[in-house]
Amino acid sequence: MSFWKKLFGGGSGGGSDDAAVKPVQIAEHKGYTIEARPYRESGQFQVAGVIAKGEGEARKEHKFIRADRFPTVEEAADFALLKGRQIIDQQGDRVFD
């Protein structure tokens, strides 16, 4: 199965540590929602998340993956929120282009 399908919900579940489909943590920042979605990779948790703005049909999303890995899902989720805030501060709505 491809990496992208496993990450964003197309793969079979890997157990309770598999946070690919649902967010582990959610935060608001400057009108955006950041969802931390770390996933297990090589015995650690890879930093990944979704930045979203709007609701319903007007909702826009930007998925991001970082090379950073952490030993716990909590550490990876905290870092994903930090990186999400940084992306928003640097790019704003351009992130959806």
PDB file of N, CA and C in Angstrom:
ATOM      1  N   MET A   1       0.855  -1.172   0.000  1.00  0.00           N
ATOM      2  CA  MET A   1       0.000   0.000   0.000  1.00  0.00           C
ATOM      3  C   MET A   1       0.899   1.231   0.000  1.00  0.00           C
ATOM      4  N   SER A   2       0.472   2.252  -0.690  1.00  0.00           N
ATOM      5  CA  SER A   2       1.310   3.437  -0.800  1.00  0.00           C
ATOM      6  C   SER A   2       1.358   4.211   0.516  1.00  0.00           C
ATOM      7  N   PHE A   3       2.428   4.940   0.681  1.00  0.00           N
ATOM      8  CA  PHE A   3       2.643   5.781   1.850  1.00  0.00           C
ATOM      9  C   PHE A   3       1.494   6.761   2.049  1.00  0.00           C
ATOM     10  N   TRP A   4       1.051   7.415   0.982  1.00  0.00           N
ATOM     11  CA  TRP A   4       0.002   8.438   1.063  1.00  0.00           C
ATOM     12  C   TRP A   4      -1.338   7.838   1.466  1.00  0.00           C
ATOM     13  N   LYS A   5      -1.661   6.659   0.951  1.00  0.00           N
ATOM     14  CA  LYS A   5      -2.921   6.025   1.333  1.00  0.00           C
ATOM     15  C   LYS A   5      -2.916   5.663   2.810  1.00  0.00           C
ATOM     16  N   LYS A   6      -1.801   5.142   3.314  1.00  0.00           N
ATOM     17  CA  LYS A   6      -1.716   4.807   4.733  1.00  0.00           C
ATOM     18  C   LYS A   6      -1.833   6.061   5.585  1.00  0.00           C
ATOM     19  N   LEU A   7      -1.180   7.134   5.152  1.00  0.00           N
ATOM     20  CA  LEU A   7      -1.160   8.361   5.948  1.00  0.00           C
ATOM     21  C   LEU A   7      -2.530   9.006   6.046  1.00  0.00           C
ATOM     22  N   PHE A   8      -3.247   9.110   4.941  1.00  0.00           N
ATOM     23  CA  PHE A   8      -4.487   9.873   4.935  1.00  0.00           C
ATOM     24  C   PHE A   8      -5.738   9.021   4.797  1.00  0.00           C
ATOM     25  N   GLY A   9      -5.672   7.802   5.325  1.00  0.00           N
ATOM     26  CA  GLY A   9      -6.899   7.065   5.529  1.00  0.00           C
ATOM     27  C   GLY A   9      -7.221   5.980   4.542  1.00  0.00           C
ATOM     28  N   GLY A  10      -6.379   5.672   3.582  1.00  0.00           N
ATOM     29  CA  GLY A  10      -6.699   4.640   2.615  1.00  0.00           C
ATOM     30  C   GLY A  10      -6.206   3.270   3.003  1.00  0.00           C
ATOM     31  N   GLY A  11      -5.428   3.181   4.079  1.00  0.00           N
ATOM     32  CA  GLY A  11      -4.848   1.897   4.453  1.00  0.00           C
ATOM     33  C   GLY A  11      -5.622   1.229   5.556  1.00  0.00           C
ATOM     34  N   SER A  12      -5.237   0.009   5.818  1.00  0.00           N
ATOM     35  CA  SER A  12      -5.859  -0.694   6.930  1.00  0.00           C
ATOM     36  C   SER A  12      -5.277  -0.151   8.225  1.00  0.00           C
ATOM     37  N   GLY A  13      -6.088  -0.118   9.246  1.00  0.00           N
ATOM     38  CA  GLY A  13      -5.663   0.443  10.522  1.00  0.00           C
ATOM     39  C   GLY A  13      -4.534  -0.343  11.135  1.00  0.00           C
ATOM     40  N   GLY A  14      -3.663   0.352  11.847  1.00  0.00           N
ATOM     41  CA  GLY A  14      -2.522  -0.303  12.453  1.00  0.00           C
ATOM     42  C   GLY A  14      -2.625  -0.404  13.950  1.00  0.00           C
ATOM     43  N   GLY A  15      -3.812  -0.181  14.507  1.00  0.00           N
ATOM     44  CA  GLY A  15      -3.963  -0.289  15.950  1.00  0.00           C
ATOM     45  C   GLY A  15      -4.159   1.066  16.584  1.00  0.00           C
ATOM     46  N   SER A  16      -4.082   1.095  17.898  1.00  0.00           N
ATOM     47  CA  SER A  16      -4.384   2.314  18.630  1.00  0.00           C
ATOM     48  C   SER A  16      -3.344   3.403  18.411  1.00  0.00           C
ATOM     49  N   ASP A  17      -2.129   3.050  18.022  1.00  0.00           N
ATOM     50  CA  ASP A  17      -1.106   4.055  17.775  1.00  0.00           C
ATOM     51  C   ASP A  17      -1.208   4.664  16.382  1.00  0.00           C
ATOM     52  N   ASP A  18      -2.070   4.128  15.535  1.00  0.00           N
ATOM     53  CA  ASP A  18      -2.208   4.612  14.162  1.00  0.00           C
ATOM     54  C   ASP A  18      -3.114   5.832  14.154  1.00  0.00           C
ATOM     55  N   ALA A  19      -2.512   7.026  14.113  1.00  0.00           N
ATOM     56  CA  ALA A  19      -3.271   8.276  14.165  1.00  0.00           C
ATOM     57  C   ALA A  19      -3.399   8.894  12.784  1.00  0.00           C
ATOM     58  N   ALA A  20      -3.360   8.088  11.733  1.00  0.00           N
ATOM     59  CA  ALA A  20      -3.360   8.610  10.375  1.00  0.00           C
ATOM     60  C   ALA A  20      -4.682   9.221   9.988  1.00  0.00           C
ATOM     61  N   VAL A  21      -5.788   8.716  10.490  1.00  0.00           N
ATOM     62  CA  VAL A  21      -7.094   9.185  10.053  1.00  0.00           C
ATOM     63  C   VAL A  21      -7.615  10.312  10.932  1.00  0.00           C
ATOM     64  N   LYS A  22      -7.491  10.174  12.217  1.00  0.00           N
ATOM     65  CA  LYS A  22      -8.052  11.187  13.114  1.00  0.00           C
ATOM     66  C   LYS A  22      -6.944  11.982  13.806  1.00  0.00           C
ATOM     67  N   PRO A  23      -7.226  13.246  14.085  1.00  0.00           N
ATOM     68  CA  PRO A  23      -6.214  14.078  14.734  1.00  0.00           C
ATOM     69  C   PRO A  23      -5.961  13.663  16.183  1.00  0.00           C
ATOM     70  N   VAL A  24      -4.721  13.826  16.604  1.00  0.00           N
ATOM     71  CA  VAL A  24      -4.328  13.543  17.980  1.00  0.00           C
ATOM     72  C   VAL A  24      -4.575  14.777  18.845  1.00  0.00           C
ATOM     73  N   GLN A  25      -4.279  15.955  18.288  1.00  0.00           N
ATOM     74  CA  GLN A  25      -4.520  17.229  18.965  1.00  0.00           C
ATOM     75  C   GLN A  25      -5.042  18.214  17.927  1.00  0.00           C
ATOM     76  N   ILE A  26      -5.838  19.182  18.400  1.00  0.00           N
ATOM     77  CA  ILE A  26      -6.362  20.227  17.516  1.00  0.00           C
ATOM     78  C   ILE A  26      -6.137  21.564  18.208  1.00  0.00           C
ATOM     79  N   ALA A  27      -5.715  22.561  17.422  1.00  0.00           N
ATOM     80  CA  ALA A  27      -5.503  23.913  17.955  1.00  0.00           C
ATOM     81  C   ALA A  27      -5.998  24.934  16.939  1.00  0.00           C
ATOM     82  N   GLU A  28      -6.386  26.089  17.438  1.00  0.00           N
ATOM     83  CA  GLU A  28      -6.781  27.223  16.602  1.00  0.00           C
ATOM     84  C   GLU A  28      -5.640  28.230  16.594  1.00  0.00           C
ATOM     85  N   HIS A  29      -5.415  28.854  15.434  1.00  0.00           N
ATOM     86  CA  HIS A  29      -4.370  29.871  15.327  1.00  0.00           C
ATOM     87  C   HIS A  29      -4.739  30.837  14.212  1.00  0.00           C
ATOM     88  N   LYS A  30      -5.004  32.096  14.565  1.00  0.00           N
ATOM     89  CA  LYS A  30      -5.290  33.161  13.614  1.00  0.00           C
ATOM     90  C   LYS A  30      -6.419  32.806  12.632  1.00  0.00           C
ATOM     91  N   GLY A  31      -7.453  32.139  13.119  1.00  0.00           N
ATOM     92  CA  GLY A  31      -8.589  31.792  12.278  1.00  0.00           C
ATOM     93  C   GLY A  31      -8.442  30.480  11.521  1.00  0.00           C
ATOM     94  N   TYR A  32      -7.360  29.771  11.725  1.00  0.00           N
ATOM     95  CA  TYR A  32      -7.113  28.474  11.094  1.00  0.00           C
ATOM     96  C   TYR A  32      -7.231  27.382  12.160  1.00  0.00           C
ATOM     97  N   THR A  33      -7.521  26.186  11.723  1.00  0.00           N
ATOM     98  CA  THR A  33      -7.512  25.018  12.600  1.00  0.00           C
ATOM     99  C   THR A  33      -6.312  24.165  12.207  1.00  0.00           C
ATOM    100  N   ILE A  34      -5.548  23.764  13.201  1.00  0.00           N
ATOM    101  CA  ILE A  34      -4.405  22.880  12.966  1.00  0.00           C
ATOM    102  C   ILE A  34      -4.722  21.548  13.633  1.00  0.00           C
ATOM    103  N   GLU A  35      -4.648  20.478  12.848  1.00  0.00           N
ATOM    104  CA  GLU A  35      -4.864  19.134  13.370  1.00  0.00           C
ATOM    105  C   GLU A  35      -3.530  18.385  13.326  1.00  0.00           C
ATOM    106  N   ALA A  36      -3.038  17.977  14.472  1.00  0.00           N
ATOM    107  CA  ALA A  36      -1.815  17.178  14.539  1.00  0.00           C
ATOM    108  C   ALA A  36      -2.190  15.733  14.244  1.00  0.00           C
ATOM    109  N   ARG A  37      -1.541  15.143  13.232  1.00  0.00           N
ATOM    110  CA  ARG A  37      -1.830  13.767  12.829  1.00  0.00           C
ATOM    111  C   ARG A  37      -0.545  12.952  12.665  1.00  0.00           C
ATOM    112  N   PRO A  38       0.227  12.814  13.727  1.00  0.00           N
ATOM    113  CA  PRO A  38       1.447  12.004  13.620  1.00  0.00           C
ATOM    114  C   PRO A  38       1.093  10.547  13.344  1.00  0.00           C
ATOM    115  N   TYR A  39       2.032   9.848  12.734  1.00  0.00           N
ATOM    116  CA  TYR A  39       1.811   8.437  12.435  1.00  0.00           C
ATOM    117  C   TYR A  39       3.080   7.652  12.735  1.00  0.00           C
ATOM    118  N   ARG A  40       2.901   6.379  13.013  1.00  0.00           N
ATOM    119  CA  ARG A  40       4.028   5.519  13.369  1.00  0.00           C
ATOM    120  C   ARG A  40       4.860   5.225  12.125  1.00  0.00           C
ATOM    121  N   GLU A  41       6.177   5.394  12.271  1.00  0.00           N
ATOM    122  CA  GLU A  41       7.122   5.129  11.179  1.00  0.00           C
ATOM    123  C   GLU A  41       8.430   4.661  11.789  1.00  0.00           C
ATOM    124  N   SER A  42       8.843   3.469  11.474  1.00  0.00           N
ATOM    125  CA  SER A  42      10.124   2.906  11.944  1.00  0.00           C
ATOM    126  C   SER A  42      10.284   2.996  13.461  1.00  0.00           C
ATOM    127  N   GLY A  43       9.230   2.674  14.195  1.00  0.00           N
ATOM    128  CA  GLY A  43       9.300   2.639  15.649  1.00  0.00           C
ATOM    129  C   GLY A  43       9.186   3.980  16.333  1.00  0.00           C
ATOM    130  N   GLN A  44       9.010   5.055  15.557  1.00  0.00           N
ATOM    131  CA  GLN A  44       8.825   6.382  16.133  1.00  0.00           C
ATOM    132  C   GLN A  44       7.580   7.005  15.509  1.00  0.00           C
ATOM    133  N   PHE A  45       7.324   8.268  15.838  1.00  0.00           N
ATOM    134  CA  PHE A  45       6.161   8.957  15.292  1.00  0.00           C
ATOM    135  C   PHE A  45       6.603  10.110  14.400  1.00  0.00           C
ATOM    136  N   GLN A  46       6.183  10.055  13.161  1.00  0.00           N
ATOM    137  CA  GLN A  46       6.496  11.074  12.143  1.00  0.00           C
ATOM    138  C   GLN A  46       5.545  12.254  12.330  1.00  0.00           C
ATOM    139  N   VAL A  47       6.065  13.457  12.219  1.00  0.00           N
ATOM    140  CA  VAL A  47       5.270  14.668  12.358  1.00  0.00           C
ATOM    141  C   VAL A  47       4.457  14.888  11.084  1.00  0.00           C
ATOM    142  N   ALA A  48       3.157  15.045  11.243  1.00  0.00           N
ATOM    143  CA  ALA A  48       2.263  15.324  10.124  1.00  0.00           C
ATOM    144  C   ALA A  48       1.037  16.049  10.665  1.00  0.00           C
ATOM    145  N   GLY A  49       0.355  16.753   9.773  1.00  0.00           N
ATOM    146  CA  GLY A  49      -0.844  17.456  10.203  1.00  0.00           C
ATOM    147  C   GLY A  49      -1.615  18.047   9.056  1.00  0.00           C
ATOM    148  N   VAL A  50      -2.704  18.708   9.419  1.00  0.00           N
ATOM    149  CA  VAL A  50      -3.580  19.366   8.455  1.00  0.00           C
ATOM    150  C   VAL A  50      -3.857  20.770   8.967  1.00  0.00           C
ATOM    151  N   ILE A  51      -3.746  21.749   8.052  1.00  0.00           N
ATOM    152  CA  ILE A  51      -4.146  23.124   8.335  1.00  0.00           C
ATOM    153  C   ILE A  51      -5.436  23.349   7.567  1.00  0.00           C
ATOM    154  N   ALA A  52      -6.467  23.836   8.242  1.00  0.00           N
ATOM    155  CA  ALA A  52      -7.766  24.029   7.596  1.00  0.00           C
ATOM    156  C   ALA A  52      -8.317  25.408   7.922  1.00  0.00           C
ATOM    157  N   LYS A  53      -9.164  25.894   6.998  1.00  0.00           N
ATOM    158  CA  LYS A  53      -9.848  27.163   7.204  1.00  0.00           C
ATOM    159  C   LYS A  53     -11.211  27.059   6.541  1.00  0.00           C
ATOM    160  N   GLY A  54     -12.232  27.584   7.209  1.00  0.00           N
ATOM    161  CA  GLY A  54     -13.583  27.546   6.672  1.00  0.00           C
ATOM    162  C   GLY A  54     -14.324  26.306   7.114  1.00  0.00           C
ATOM    163  N   GLU A  55     -15.595  26.232   6.662  1.00  0.00           N
ATOM    164  CA  GLU A  55     -16.438  25.102   7.032  1.00  0.00           C
ATOM    165  C   GLU A  55     -17.232  24.633   5.827  1.00  0.00           C
ATOM    166  N   GLY A  56     -17.678  23.402   5.900  1.00  0.00           N
ATOM    167  CA  GLY A  56     -18.524  22.845   4.843  1.00  0.00           C
ATOM    168  C   GLY A  56     -17.859  22.879   3.482  1.00  0.00           C
ATOM    169  N   GLU A  57     -18.608  23.309   2.478  1.00  0.00           N
ATOM    170  CA  GLU A  57     -18.111  23.367   1.096  1.00  0.00           C
ATOM    171  C   GLU A  57     -16.964  24.368   0.932  1.00  0.00           C
ATOM    172  N   ALA A  58     -16.909  25.371   1.800  1.00  0.00           N
ATOM    173  CA  ALA A  58     -15.867  26.400   1.705  1.00  0.00           C
ATOM    174  C   ALA A  58     -14.582  26.009   2.435  1.00  0.00           C
ATOM    175  N   ARG A  59     -14.573  24.856   3.063  1.00  0.00           N
ATOM    176  CA  ARG A  59     -13.398  24.430   3.827  1.00  0.00           C
ATOM    177  C   ARG A  59     -12.223  24.144   2.889  1.00  0.00           C
ATOM    178  N   LYS A  60     -11.069  24.702   3.241  1.00  0.00           N
ATOM    179  CA  LYS A  60      -9.826  24.450   2.513  1.00  0.00           C
ATOM    180  C   LYS A  60      -8.880  23.734   3.454  1.00  0.00           C
ATOM    181  N   GLU A  61      -8.097  22.799   2.907  1.00  0.00           N
ATOM    182  CA  GLU A  61      -7.146  22.050   3.720  1.00  0.00           C
ATOM    183  C   GLU A  61      -5.777  22.000   3.060  1.00  0.00           C
ATOM    184  N   HIS A  62      -4.769  22.001   3.901  1.00  0.00           N
ATOM    185  CA  HIS A  62      -3.386  21.804   3.452  1.00  0.00           C
ATOM    186  C   HIS A  62      -2.777  20.742   4.357  1.00  0.00           C
ATOM    187  N   LYS A  63      -2.352  19.623   3.787  1.00  0.00           N
ATOM    188  CA  LYS A  63      -1.716  18.551   4.549  1.00  0.00           C
ATOM    189  C   LYS A  63      -0.208  18.748   4.517  1.00  0.00           C
ATOM    190  N   PHE A  64       0.438  18.543   5.651  1.00  0.00           N
ATOM    191  CA  PHE A  64       1.894  18.653   5.691  1.00  0.00           C
ATOM    192  C   PHE A  64       2.509  17.473   6.427  1.00  0.00           C
ATOM    193  N   ILE A  65       3.722  17.137   6.008  1.00  0.00           N
ATOM    194  CA  ILE A  65       4.515  16.075   6.623  1.00  0.00           C
ATOM    195  C   ILE A  65       5.920  16.629   6.808  1.00  0.00           C
ATOM    196  N   ARG A  66       6.476  16.415   7.969  1.00  0.00           N
ATOM    197  CA  ARG A  66       7.844  16.838   8.265  1.00  0.00           C
ATOM    198  C   ARG A  66       8.722  15.602   8.411  1.00  0.00           C
ATOM    199  N   ALA A  67       9.996  15.774   8.213  1.00  0.00           N
ATOM    200  CA  ALA A  67      10.942  14.662   8.358  1.00  0.00           C
ATOM    201  C   ALA A  67      11.193  14.318   9.825  1.00  0.00           C
ATOM    202  N   ASP A  68      10.797  15.204  10.723  1.00  0.00           N
ATOM    203  CA  ASP A  68      11.054  15.023  12.149  1.00  0.00           C
ATOM    204  C   ASP A  68      10.294  13.822  12.707  1.00  0.00           C
ATOM    205  N   ARG A  69      10.966  13.078  13.576  1.00  0.00           N
ATOM    206  CA  ARG A  69      10.356  11.934  14.254  1.00  0.00           C
ATOM    207  C   ARG A  69      10.628  12.044  15.746  1.00  0.00           C
ATOM    208  N   PHE A  70       9.657  11.555  16.529  1.00  0.00           N
ATOM    209  CA  PHE A  70       9.760  11.609  17.979  1.00  0.00           C
ATOM    210  C   PHE A  70       9.399  10.250  18.573  1.00  0.00           C
ATOM    211  N   PRO A  71       9.888   9.963  19.786  1.00  0.00           N
ATOM    212  CA  PRO A  71       9.604   8.656  20.396  1.00  0.00           C
ATOM    213  C   PRO A  71       8.157   8.499  20.873  1.00  0.00           C
ATOM    214  N   THR A  72       7.466   9.602  21.151  1.00  0.00           N
ATOM    215  CA  THR A  72       6.076   9.499  21.617  1.00  0.00           C
ATOM    216  C   THR A  72       5.147  10.269  20.684  1.00  0.00           C
ATOM    217  N   VAL A  73       3.902   9.817  20.628  1.00  0.00           N
ATOM    218  CA  VAL A  73       2.898  10.471  19.797  1.00  0.00           C
ATOM    219  C   VAL A  73       2.609  11.889  20.314  1.00  0.00           C
ATOM    220  N   GLU A  74       2.686  12.085  21.627  1.00  0.00           N
ATOM    221  CA  GLU A  74       2.430  13.403  22.208  1.00  0.00           C
ATOM    222  C   GLU A  74       3.477  14.423  21.772  1.00  0.00           C
ATOM    223  N   GLU A  75       4.750  14.006  21.785  1.00  0.00           N
ATOM    224  CA  GLU A  75       5.824  14.911  21.347  1.00  0.00           C
ATOM    225  C   GLU A  75       5.665  15.261  19.870  1.00  0.00           C
ATOM    226  N   ALA A  76       5.344  14.268  19.061  1.00  0.00           N
ATOM    227  CA  ALA A  76       5.166  14.508  17.625  1.00  0.00           C
ATOM    228  C   ALA A  76       3.967  15.423  17.378  1.00  0.00           C
ATOM    229  N   ALA A  77       2.890  15.242  18.136  1.00  0.00           N
ATOM    230  CA  ALA A  77       1.706  16.092  17.983  1.00  0.00           C
ATOM    231  C   ALA A  77       2.012  17.525  18.400  1.00  0.00           C
ATOM    232  N   ASP A  78       2.707  17.706  19.508  1.00  0.00           N
ATOM    233  CA  ASP A  78       3.085  19.062  19.951  1.00  0.00           C
ATOM    234  C   ASP A  78       3.919  19.766  18.881  1.00  0.00           C
ATOM    235  N   PHE A  79       4.860  19.041  18.290  1.00  0.00           N
ATOM    236  CA  PHE A  79       5.710  19.629  17.259  1.00  0.00           C
ATOM    237  C   PHE A  79       4.914  19.927  15.992  1.00  0.00           C
ATOM    238  N   ALA A  80       3.951  19.070  15.658  1.00  0.00           N
ATOM    239  CA  ALA A  80       3.104  19.322  14.486  1.00  0.00           C
ATOM    240  C   ALA A  80       2.310  20.611  14.661  1.00  0.00           C
ATOM    241  N   LEU A  81       1.802  20.861  15.864  1.00  0.00           N
ATOM    242  CA  LEU A  81       1.077  22.115  16.114  1.00  0.00           C
ATOM    243  C   LEU A  81       2.006  23.315  15.985  1.00  0.00           C
ATOM    244  N   LEU A  82       3.208  23.186  16.501  1.00  0.00           N
ATOM    245  CA  LEU A  82       4.206  24.253  16.382  1.00  0.00           C
ATOM    246  C   LEU A  82       4.507  24.551  14.912  1.00  0.00           C
ATOM    247  N   LYS A  83       4.743  23.501  14.121  1.00  0.00           N
ATOM    248  CA  LYS A  83       5.044  23.682  12.699  1.00  0.00           C
ATOM    249  C   LYS A  83       3.834  24.242  11.956  1.00  0.00           C
ATOM    250  N   GLY A  84       2.639  23.808  12.329  1.00  0.00           N
ATOM    251  CA  GLY A  84       1.428  24.359  11.712  1.00  0.00           C
ATOM    252  C   GLY A  84       1.316  25.853  11.941  1.00  0.00           C
ATOM    253  N   ARG A  85       1.570  26.293  13.160  1.00  0.00           N
ATOM    254  CA  ARG A  85       1.548  27.739  13.465  1.00  0.00           C
ATOM    255  C   ARG A  85       2.595  28.488  12.639  1.00  0.00           C
ATOM    256  N   GLN A  86       3.761  27.892  12.527  1.00  0.00           N
ATOM    257  CA  GLN A  86       4.839  28.515  11.754  1.00  0.00           C
ATOM    258  C   GLN A  86       4.446  28.638  10.276  1.00  0.00           C
ATOM    259  N   ILE A  87       3.850  27.608   9.708  1.00  0.00           N
ATOM    260  CA  ILE A  87       3.406  27.649   8.313  1.00  0.00           C
ATOM    261  C   ILE A  87       2.366  28.748   8.118  1.00  0.00           C
ATOM    262  N   ILE A  88       1.416  28.845   9.030  1.00  0.00           N
ATOM    263  CA  ILE A  88       0.381  29.881   8.947  1.00  0.00           C
ATOM    264  C   ILE A  88       1.004  31.262   9.032  1.00  0.00           C
ATOM    265  N   ASP A  89       1.919  31.469   9.986  1.00  0.00           N
ATOM    266  CA  ASP A  89       2.566  32.769  10.146  1.00  0.00           C
ATOM    267  C   ASP A  89       3.366  33.161   8.911  1.00  0.00           C
ATOM    268  N   GLN A  90       3.987  32.202   8.254  1.00  0.00           N
ATOM    269  CA  GLN A  90       4.824  32.493   7.090  1.00  0.00           C
ATOM    270  C   GLN A  90       4.027  32.617   5.794  1.00  0.00           C
ATOM    271  N   GLN A  91       2.972  31.806   5.633  1.00  0.00           N
ATOM    272  CA  GLN A  91       2.300  31.740   4.345  1.00  0.00           C
ATOM    273  C   GLN A  91       0.857  32.222   4.347  1.00  0.00           C
ATOM    274  N   GLY A  92       0.188  32.189   5.469  1.00  0.00           N
ATOM    275  CA  GLY A  92      -1.213  32.588   5.521  1.00  0.00           C
ATOM    276  C   GLY A  92      -2.049  31.784   4.512  1.00  0.00           C
ATOM    277  N   ASP A  93      -2.963  32.462   3.807  1.00  0.00           N
ATOM    278  CA  ASP A  93      -3.849  31.783   2.845  1.00  0.00           C
ATOM    279  C   ASP A  93      -3.114  31.231   1.628  1.00  0.00           C
ATOM    280  N   ARG A  94      -1.888  31.656   1.404  1.00  0.00           N
ATOM    281  CA  ARG A  94      -1.121  31.108   0.264  1.00  0.00           C
ATOM    282  C   ARG A  94      -0.863  29.619   0.415  1.00  0.00           C
ATOM    283  N   VAL A  95      -0.968  29.109   1.630  1.00  0.00           N
ATOM    284  CA  VAL A  95      -0.744  27.689   1.872  1.00  0.00           C
ATOM    285  C   VAL A  95      -1.733  26.830   1.071  1.00  0.00           C
ATOM    286  N   PHE A  96      -2.872  27.384   0.708  1.00  0.00           N
ATOM    287  CA  PHE A  96      -3.901  26.632  -0.019  1.00  0.00           C
ATOM    288  C   PHE A  96      -3.752  26.709  -1.533  1.00  0.00           C
ATOM    289  N   ASP A  97      -2.789  27.472  -2.025  1.00  0.00           N
ATOM    290  CA  ASP A  97      -2.596  27.604  -3.475  1.00  0.00           C
ATOM    291  C   ASP A  97      -1.929  26.393  -4.078  1.00  0.00           C
TER     292      ASP A  97
END
